[in-house]
PDB file of N, CA and C in Angstrom:
ATOM      1  N   MET A   1     -17.715  -8.667   1.381  1.00  0.00           N
ATOM      2  CA  MET A   1     -17.808  -9.808   0.765  1.00  0.00           C
ATOM      3  C   MET A   1     -18.402 -11.177   1.325  1.00  0.00           C
ATOM      4  N   LYS A   2     -18.302 -11.375   2.480  1.00  0.00           N
ATOM      5  CA  LYS A   2     -19.443 -12.559   2.915  1.00  0.00           C
ATOM      6  C   LYS A   2     -20.991 -12.002   3.166  1.00  0.00           C
ATOM      7  N   ARG A   3     -21.434 -10.742   3.394  1.00  0.00           N
ATOM      8  CA  ARG A   3     -22.248 -10.286   3.114  1.00  0.00           C
ATOM      9  C   ARG A   3     -23.115  -9.629   2.016  1.00  0.00           C
ATOM     10  N   LEU A   4     -22.640  -9.393   1.039  1.00  0.00           N
ATOM     11  CA  LEU A   4     -22.558  -9.983  -0.428  1.00  0.00           C
ATOM     12  C   LEU A   4     -22.881 -10.820  -0.868  1.00  0.00           C
ATOM     13  N   LYS A   5     -22.640 -12.137  -0.773  1.00  0.00           N
ATOM     14  CA  LYS A   5     -22.613 -13.137  -1.065  1.00  0.00           C
ATOM     15  C   LYS A   5     -23.604 -13.631   0.064  1.00  0.00           C
ATOM     16  N   ALA A   6     -24.276 -13.688   0.771  1.00  0.00           N
ATOM     17  CA  ALA A   6     -24.888 -13.783   2.053  1.00  0.00           C
ATOM     18  C   ALA A   6     -26.573 -13.422   1.095  1.00  0.00           C
ATOM     19  N   LYS A   7     -26.888 -12.311   0.557  1.00  0.00           N
ATOM     20  CA  LYS A   7     -27.389 -11.790  -0.354  1.00  0.00           C
ATOM     21  C   LYS A   7     -27.683 -12.565  -1.254  1.00  0.00           C
ATOM     22  N   GLY A   8     -26.977 -13.328  -1.687  1.00  0.00           N
ATOM     23  CA  GLY A   8     -26.734 -14.249  -3.092  1.00  0.00           C
ATOM     24  C   GLY A   8     -26.401 -13.351  -4.731  1.00  0.00           C
ATOM     25  N   VAL A   9     -25.958 -12.119  -4.244  1.00  0.00           N
ATOM     26  CA  VAL A   9     -24.815 -11.412  -4.938  1.00  0.00           C
ATOM     27  C   VAL A   9     -23.497 -12.014  -5.368  1.00  0.00           C
ATOM     28  N   GLU A  10     -23.152 -12.113  -7.140  1.00  0.00           N
ATOM     29  CA  GLU A  10     -22.431 -13.108  -7.780  1.00  0.00           C
ATOM     30  C   GLU A  10     -21.130 -12.131  -6.784  1.00  0.00           C
ATOM     31  N   VAL A  11     -20.376 -12.156  -6.545  1.00  0.00           N
ATOM     32  CA  VAL A  11     -18.615 -11.461  -6.662  1.00  0.00           C
ATOM     33  C   VAL A  11     -17.972 -11.688  -7.700  1.00  0.00           C
ATOM     34  N   LEU A  12     -16.778 -10.785  -8.183  1.00  0.00           N
ATOM     35  CA  LEU A  12     -15.995 -11.255  -8.681  1.00  0.00           C
ATOM     36  C   LEU A  12     -14.858 -10.292  -8.719  1.00  0.00           C
ATOM     37  N   LEU A  13     -13.771 -10.907  -8.506  1.00  0.00           N
ATOM     38  CA  LEU A  13     -12.890 -10.551  -7.848  1.00  0.00           C
ATOM     39  C   LEU A  13     -11.349 -10.525  -8.631  1.00  0.00           C
ATOM     40  N   TYR A  14     -11.044  -8.685  -9.478  1.00  0.00           N
ATOM     41  CA  TYR A  14     -10.242  -8.210 -10.066  1.00  0.00           C
ATOM     42  C   TYR A  14      -8.854  -8.262  -9.359  1.00  0.00           C
ATOM     43  N   GLU A  15      -8.022  -9.082 -10.130  1.00  0.00           N
ATOM     44  CA  GLU A  15      -6.620  -9.702  -9.109  1.00  0.00           C
ATOM     45  C   GLU A  15      -5.945 -10.331 -10.394  1.00  0.00           C
ATOM     46  N   PRO A  16      -4.832 -10.001 -11.154  1.00  0.00           N
ATOM     47  CA  PRO A  16      -3.905  -9.738 -11.618  1.00  0.00           C
ATOM     48  C   PRO A  16      -2.671 -11.212 -11.385  1.00  0.00           C
ATOM     49  N   LEU A  17      -2.538 -11.036  -9.988  1.00  0.00           N
ATOM     50  CA  LEU A  17      -1.454 -11.464 -10.094  1.00  0.00           C
ATOM     51  C   LEU A  17      -1.842 -12.754  -8.650  1.00  0.00           C
ATOM     52  N   LEU A  18      -2.920 -13.241  -9.145  1.00  0.00           N
ATOM     53  CA  LEU A  18      -3.577 -14.412  -7.735  1.00  0.00           C
ATOM     54  C   LEU A  18      -3.106 -15.229  -9.126  1.00  0.00           C
ATOM     55  N   ALA A  19      -2.790 -16.084  -8.809  1.00  0.00           N
ATOM     56  CA  ALA A  19      -2.530 -16.988  -9.672  1.00  0.00           C
ATOM     57  C   ALA A  19      -4.165 -18.544  -9.023  1.00  0.00           C
ATOM     58  N   GLU A  20      -4.626 -18.501  -8.251  1.00  0.00           N
ATOM     59  CA  GLU A  20      -6.070 -19.697  -8.060  1.00  0.00           C
ATOM     60  C   GLU A  20      -7.371 -19.044  -8.892  1.00  0.00           C
ATOM     61  N   ASP A  21      -7.816 -19.699  -9.843  1.00  0.00           N
ATOM     62  CA  ASP A  21      -8.964 -19.137 -10.216  1.00  0.00           C
ATOM     63  C   ASP A  21     -10.098 -18.745  -9.202  1.00  0.00           C
ATOM     64  N   SER A  22      -9.797 -18.832  -7.958  1.00  0.00           N
ATOM     65  CA  SER A  22     -11.130 -18.720  -6.892  1.00  0.00           C
ATOM     66  C   SER A  22     -10.457 -17.596  -5.385  1.00  0.00           C
ATOM     67  N   PHE A  23     -11.520 -17.268  -5.018  1.00  0.00           N
ATOM     68  CA  PHE A  23     -10.210 -16.762  -3.994  1.00  0.00           C
ATOM     69  C   PHE A  23     -11.701 -16.250  -2.766  1.00  0.00           C
ATOM     70  N   PHE A  24     -11.620 -17.388  -1.974  1.00  0.00           N
ATOM     71  CA  PHE A  24     -13.218 -17.229  -0.840  1.00  0.00           C
ATOM     72  C   PHE A  24     -14.535 -17.864  -1.656  1.00  0.00           C
ATOM     73  N   HIS A  25     -14.167 -18.184  -2.295  1.00  0.00           N
ATOM     74  CA  HIS A  25     -15.314 -18.755  -3.550  1.00  0.00           C
ATOM     75  C   HIS A  25     -15.988 -18.252  -4.348  1.00  0.00           C
ATOM     76  N   SER A  26     -15.217 -17.007  -4.525  1.00  0.00           N
ATOM     77  CA  SER A  26     -16.164 -16.318  -5.873  1.00  0.00           C
ATOM     78  C   SER A  26     -14.853 -16.488  -7.049  1.00  0.00           C
ATOM     79  N   GLU A  27     -15.028 -16.068  -8.278  1.00  0.00           N
ATOM     80  CA  GLU A  27     -14.283 -16.066  -9.548  1.00  0.00           C
ATOM     81  C   GLU A  27     -13.338 -15.141  -9.440  1.00  0.00           C
ATOM     82  N   VAL A  28     -12.351 -15.000  -9.554  1.00  0.00           N
ATOM     83  CA  VAL A  28     -10.731 -14.642  -9.611  1.00  0.00           C
ATOM     84  C   VAL A  28     -11.244 -14.080 -11.321  1.00  0.00           C
ATOM     85  N   VAL A  29     -10.662 -12.808 -11.724  1.00  0.00           N
ATOM     86  CA  VAL A  29     -10.790 -12.266 -13.311  1.00  0.00           C
ATOM     87  C   VAL A  29      -9.496 -11.828 -13.781  1.00  0.00           C
ATOM     88  N   ARG A  30      -8.380 -12.373 -14.607  1.00  0.00           N
ATOM     89  CA  ARG A  30      -7.496 -11.457 -14.572  1.00  0.00           C
ATOM     90  C   ARG A  30      -7.287 -10.253 -15.905  1.00  0.00           C
ATOM     91  N   ASP A  31      -8.156 -10.168 -16.672  1.00  0.00           N
ATOM     92  CA  ASP A  31      -8.235  -9.549 -17.609  1.00  0.00           C
ATOM     93  C   ASP A  31      -9.071  -8.217 -16.777  1.00  0.00           C
ATOM     94  N   LEU A  32      -8.726  -7.453 -17.129  1.00  0.00           N
ATOM     95  CA  LEU A  32      -9.294  -5.841 -16.568  1.00  0.00           C
ATOM     96  C   LEU A  32     -10.881  -5.575 -17.575  1.00  0.00           C
ATOM     97  N   ASP A  33     -10.109  -5.699 -18.933  1.00  0.00           N
ATOM     98  CA  ASP A  33     -11.537  -5.292 -19.734  1.00  0.00           C
ATOM     99  C   ASP A  33     -12.531  -6.680 -19.570  1.00  0.00           C
ATOM    100  N   GLU A  34     -12.454  -8.023 -19.530  1.00  0.00           N
ATOM    101  CA  GLU A  34     -13.704  -8.534 -18.920  1.00  0.00           C
ATOM    102  C   GLU A  34     -13.781  -8.211 -17.725  1.00  0.00           C
ATOM    103  N   PHE A  35     -13.322  -8.141 -17.030  1.00  0.00           N
ATOM    104  CA  PHE A  35     -13.821  -7.326 -15.384  1.00  0.00           C
ATOM    105  C   PHE A  35     -15.218  -6.363 -15.350  1.00  0.00           C
ATOM    106  N   LYS A  36     -14.412  -4.997 -16.275  1.00  0.00           N
ATOM    107  CA  LYS A  36     -15.392  -4.018 -16.251  1.00  0.00           C
ATOM    108  C   LYS A  36     -16.388  -4.683 -17.051  1.00  0.00           C
ATOM    109  N   ARG A  37     -16.512  -5.155 -18.272  1.00  0.00           N
ATOM    110  CA  ARG A  37     -17.561  -5.627 -18.877  1.00  0.00           C
ATOM    111  C   ARG A  37     -18.460  -6.588 -17.992  1.00  0.00           C
ATOM    112  N   ARG A  38     -18.170  -7.549 -17.613  1.00  0.00           N
ATOM    113  CA  ARG A  38     -18.855  -8.625 -16.780  1.00  0.00           C
ATOM    114  C   ARG A  38     -19.528  -7.932 -15.228  1.00  0.00           C
ATOM    115  N   SER A  39     -19.118  -6.917 -15.120  1.00  0.00           N
ATOM    116  CA  SER A  39     -19.722  -6.079 -13.562  1.00  0.00           C
ATOM    117  C   SER A  39     -20.928  -5.008 -13.832  1.00  0.00           C
ATOM    118  N   ASP A  40     -21.538  -5.071 -12.637  1.00  0.00           N
ATOM    119  CA  ASP A  40     -22.421  -4.283 -12.580  1.00  0.00           C
ATOM    120  C   ASP A  40     -22.507  -3.075 -11.069  1.00  0.00           C
ATOM    121  N   VAL A  41     -21.461  -3.626 -10.682  1.00  0.00           N
ATOM    122  CA  VAL A  41     -20.830  -2.382  -9.537  1.00  0.00           C
ATOM    123  C   VAL A  41     -19.405  -3.019  -9.402  1.00  0.00           C
ATOM    124  N   ILE A  42     -18.389  -2.157  -9.151  1.00  0.00           N
ATOM    125  CA  ILE A  42     -17.073  -2.567  -8.770  1.00  0.00           C
ATOM    126  C   ILE A  42     -16.743  -1.522  -7.743  1.00  0.00           C
ATOM    127  N   VAL A  43     -16.646  -2.599  -6.482  1.00  0.00           N
ATOM    128  CA  VAL A  43     -16.169  -1.532  -5.165  1.00  0.00           C
ATOM    129  C   VAL A  43     -14.845  -1.647  -5.200  1.00  0.00           C
ATOM    130  N   ALA A  44     -13.781  -0.525  -5.268  1.00  0.00           N
ATOM    131  CA  ALA A  44     -12.509   0.053  -5.551  1.00  0.00           C
ATOM    132  C   ALA A  44     -12.156   0.247  -4.262  1.00  0.00           C
ATOM    133  N   ASN A  45     -10.506   0.235  -3.783  1.00  0.00           N
ATOM    134  CA  ASN A  45     -10.197   1.022  -2.579  1.00  0.00           C
ATOM    135  C   ASN A  45     -10.012   2.521  -3.154  1.00  0.00           C
ATOM    136  N   ARG A  46      -9.648   3.171  -3.937  1.00  0.00           N
ATOM    137  CA  ARG A  46      -9.310   3.939  -4.848  1.00  0.00           C
ATOM    138  C   ARG A  46      -9.514   4.243  -5.689  1.00  0.00           C
ATOM    139  N   ARG A  47      -9.645   5.714  -6.468  1.00  0.00           N
ATOM    140  CA  ARG A  47     -10.431   5.825  -8.352  1.00  0.00           C
ATOM    141  C   ARG A  47      -8.983   5.656  -9.099  1.00  0.00           C
ATOM    142  N   THR A  48      -8.886   4.896 -10.131  1.00  0.00           N
ATOM    143  CA  THR A  48      -7.171   4.897 -10.504  1.00  0.00           C
ATOM    144  C   THR A  48      -8.291   5.666 -12.717  1.00  0.00           C
ATOM    145  N   PRO A  49      -6.935   5.307 -12.806  1.00  0.00           N
ATOM    146  CA  PRO A  49      -7.254   6.141 -13.886  1.00  0.00           C
ATOM    147  C   PRO A  49      -7.596   4.637 -15.134  1.00  0.00           C
ATOM    148  N   ASP A  50      -7.155   3.553 -14.471  1.00  0.00           N
ATOM    149  CA  ASP A  50      -7.716   2.663 -15.417  1.00  0.00           C
ATOM    150  C   ASP A  50      -9.069   2.149 -15.423  1.00  0.00           C
ATOM    151  N   ILE A  51     -10.193   2.840 -14.306  1.00  0.00           N
ATOM    152  CA  ILE A  51     -11.035   2.336 -13.879  1.00  0.00           C
ATOM    153  C   ILE A  51     -11.918   3.560 -14.886  1.00  0.00           C
ATOM    154  N   THR A  52     -11.371   5.063 -15.240  1.00  0.00           N
ATOM    155  CA  THR A  52     -12.250   6.401 -15.171  1.00  0.00           C
ATOM    156  C   THR A  52     -13.415   5.509 -16.535  1.00  0.00           C
ATOM    157  N   ASP A  53     -12.809   4.986 -17.269  1.00  0.00           N
ATOM    158  CA  ASP A  53     -14.296   4.779 -18.375  1.00  0.00           C
ATOM    159  C   ASP A  53     -15.230   4.070 -17.629  1.00  0.00           C
ATOM    160  N   VAL A  54     -15.757   3.508 -16.509  1.00  0.00           N
ATOM    161  CA  VAL A  54     -16.628   2.815 -16.054  1.00  0.00           C
ATOM    162  C   VAL A  54     -16.918   3.706 -14.809  1.00  0.00           C
ATOM    163  N   ALA A  55     -16.845   4.493 -14.295  1.00  0.00           N
ATOM    164  CA  ALA A  55     -17.157   5.751 -13.314  1.00  0.00           C
ATOM    165  C   ALA A  55     -18.642   5.318 -12.551  1.00  0.00           C
ATOM    166  N   ASP A  56     -18.941   5.034 -14.075  1.00  0.00           N
ATOM    167  CA  ASP A  56     -20.768   5.646 -12.867  1.00  0.00           C
ATOM    168  C   ASP A  56     -20.732   3.868 -12.154  1.00  0.00           C
ATOM    169  N   LYS A  57     -19.938   2.991 -12.939  1.00  0.00           N
ATOM    170  CA  LYS A  57     -20.005   1.222 -11.961  1.00  0.00           C
ATOM    171  C   LYS A  57     -19.270   1.477 -10.361  1.00  0.00           C
ATOM    172  N   VAL A  58     -18.603   2.286 -10.318  1.00  0.00           N
ATOM    173  CA  VAL A  58     -17.793   2.679  -9.286  1.00  0.00           C
ATOM    174  C   VAL A  58     -17.896   3.080  -8.203  1.00  0.00           C
ATOM    175  N   TYR A  59     -17.970   2.241  -7.210  1.00  0.00           N
ATOM    176  CA  TYR A  59     -17.722   3.235  -5.165  1.00  0.00           C
ATOM    177  C   TYR A  59     -16.222   2.664  -4.912  1.00  0.00           C
ATOM    178  N   ALA A  60     -15.533   3.676  -4.899  1.00  0.00           N
ATOM    179  CA  ALA A  60     -14.836   3.375  -4.092  1.00  0.00           C
ATOM    180  C   ALA A  60     -14.691   4.790  -2.539  1.00  0.00           C
ATOM    181  N   ARG A  61     -14.195   4.700  -1.504  1.00  0.00           N
ATOM    182  CA  ARG A  61     -13.828   5.497  -1.159  1.00  0.00           C
ATOM    183  C   ARG A  61     -13.697   7.017  -0.569  1.00  0.00           C
ATOM    184  N   PRO A  62     -13.790   7.858  -0.519  1.00  0.00           N
ATOM    185  CA  PRO A  62     -13.071   8.817  -0.284  1.00  0.00           C
ATOM    186  C   PRO A  62     -12.081   8.918   0.144  1.00  0.00           C
ATOM    187  N   VAL A  63     -11.040   9.939  -0.520  1.00  0.00           N
ATOM    188  CA  VAL A  63      -9.572   9.712   0.018  1.00  0.00           C
ATOM    189  C   VAL A  63      -9.550  11.135   0.748  1.00  0.00           C
ATOM    190  N   ARG A  64      -9.349  11.251   2.239  1.00  0.00           N
ATOM    191  CA  ARG A  64      -9.214  12.676   2.603  1.00  0.00           C
ATOM    192  C   ARG A  64      -7.777  13.169   3.093  1.00  0.00           C
ATOM    193  N   GLN A  65      -7.110  13.970   2.205  1.00  0.00           N
ATOM    194  CA  GLN A  65      -5.835  14.174   2.747  1.00  0.00           C
ATOM    195  C   GLN A  65      -5.814  15.658   3.752  1.00  0.00           C
ATOM    196  N   ARG A  66      -5.147  15.424   4.493  1.00  0.00           N
ATOM    197  CA  ARG A  66      -4.770  16.307   6.499  1.00  0.00           C
ATOM    198  C   ARG A  66      -4.169  17.602   5.029  1.00  0.00           C
ATOM    199  N   LEU A  67      -4.232  18.245   5.625  1.00  0.00           N
ATOM    200  CA  LEU A  67      -3.445  19.646   5.215  1.00  0.00           C
ATOM    201  C   LEU A  67      -2.671  20.204   6.329  1.00  0.00           C
ATOM    202  N   SER A  68      -2.574  19.643   7.181  1.00  0.00           N
ATOM    203  CA  SER A  68      -1.278  19.845   8.197  1.00  0.00           C
ATOM    204  C   SER A  68      -1.151  18.286   9.205  1.00  0.00           C
ATOM    205  N   ARG A  69       0.171  18.267   9.476  1.00  0.00           N
ATOM    206  CA  ARG A  69      -0.019  17.447  10.428  1.00  0.00           C
ATOM    207  C   ARG A  69       0.231  17.465  11.850  1.00  0.00           C
ATOM    208  N   GLN A  70      -0.514  18.194  11.962  1.00  0.00           N
ATOM    209  CA  GLN A  70      -0.105  18.911  13.758  1.00  0.00           C
ATOM    210  C   GLN A  70      -1.418  17.984  14.462  1.00  0.00           C
ATOM    211  N   PRO A  71      -1.232  17.390  15.641  1.00  0.00           N
ATOM    212  CA  PRO A  71      -1.719  16.581  16.492  1.00  0.00           C
ATOM    213  C   PRO A  71      -3.069  17.507  16.829  1.00  0.00           C
ATOM    214  N   ARG A  72      -4.140  16.272  16.916  1.00  0.00           N
ATOM    215  CA  ARG A  72      -5.806  16.599  17.317  1.00  0.00           C
ATOM    216  C   ARG A  72      -5.278  16.960  19.058  1.00  0.00           C
ATOM    217  N   ALA A  73      -5.929  18.028  19.756  1.00  0.00           N
ATOM    218  CA  ALA A  73      -6.174  18.227  21.043  1.00  0.00           C
ATOM    219  C   ALA A  73      -6.483  17.185  21.553  1.00  0.00           C
ATOM    220  N   THR A  74      -6.511  17.004  22.448  1.00  0.00           N
ATOM    221  CA  THR A  74      -7.005  15.881  23.456  1.00  0.00           C
ATOM    222  C   THR A  74      -7.768  16.854  24.914  1.00  0.00           C
ATOM    223  N   ARG A  75      -8.856  16.073  24.998  1.00  0.00           N
ATOM    224  CA  ARG A  75      -9.261  16.360  26.349  1.00  0.00           C
ATOM    225  C   ARG A  75      -8.750  15.514  27.321  1.00  0.00           C
ATOM    226  N   ILE A  76      -8.412  16.155  28.453  1.00  0.00           N
ATOM    227  CA  ILE A  76      -7.942  15.688  29.696  1.00  0.00           C
ATOM    228  C   ILE A  76      -8.798  15.594  31.042  1.00  0.00           C
TER     229      ILE A  76
END
């Protein structure tokens, strides 16, 4: 967030449970529809059904699923 703001990018946060109106000098938006309408890009921890209608705006980290729980071999 700090790097984006240093480049002059306006940062909005969607957090419906946060009581404050700002978080680290960024506006907090509690209404998801308003947030989606006002955002050009949405950075999310994961994709959820709530944001599928704006999938073209969403950047989310890929979730890798491990097929087995076996430990990796270690080099000695």
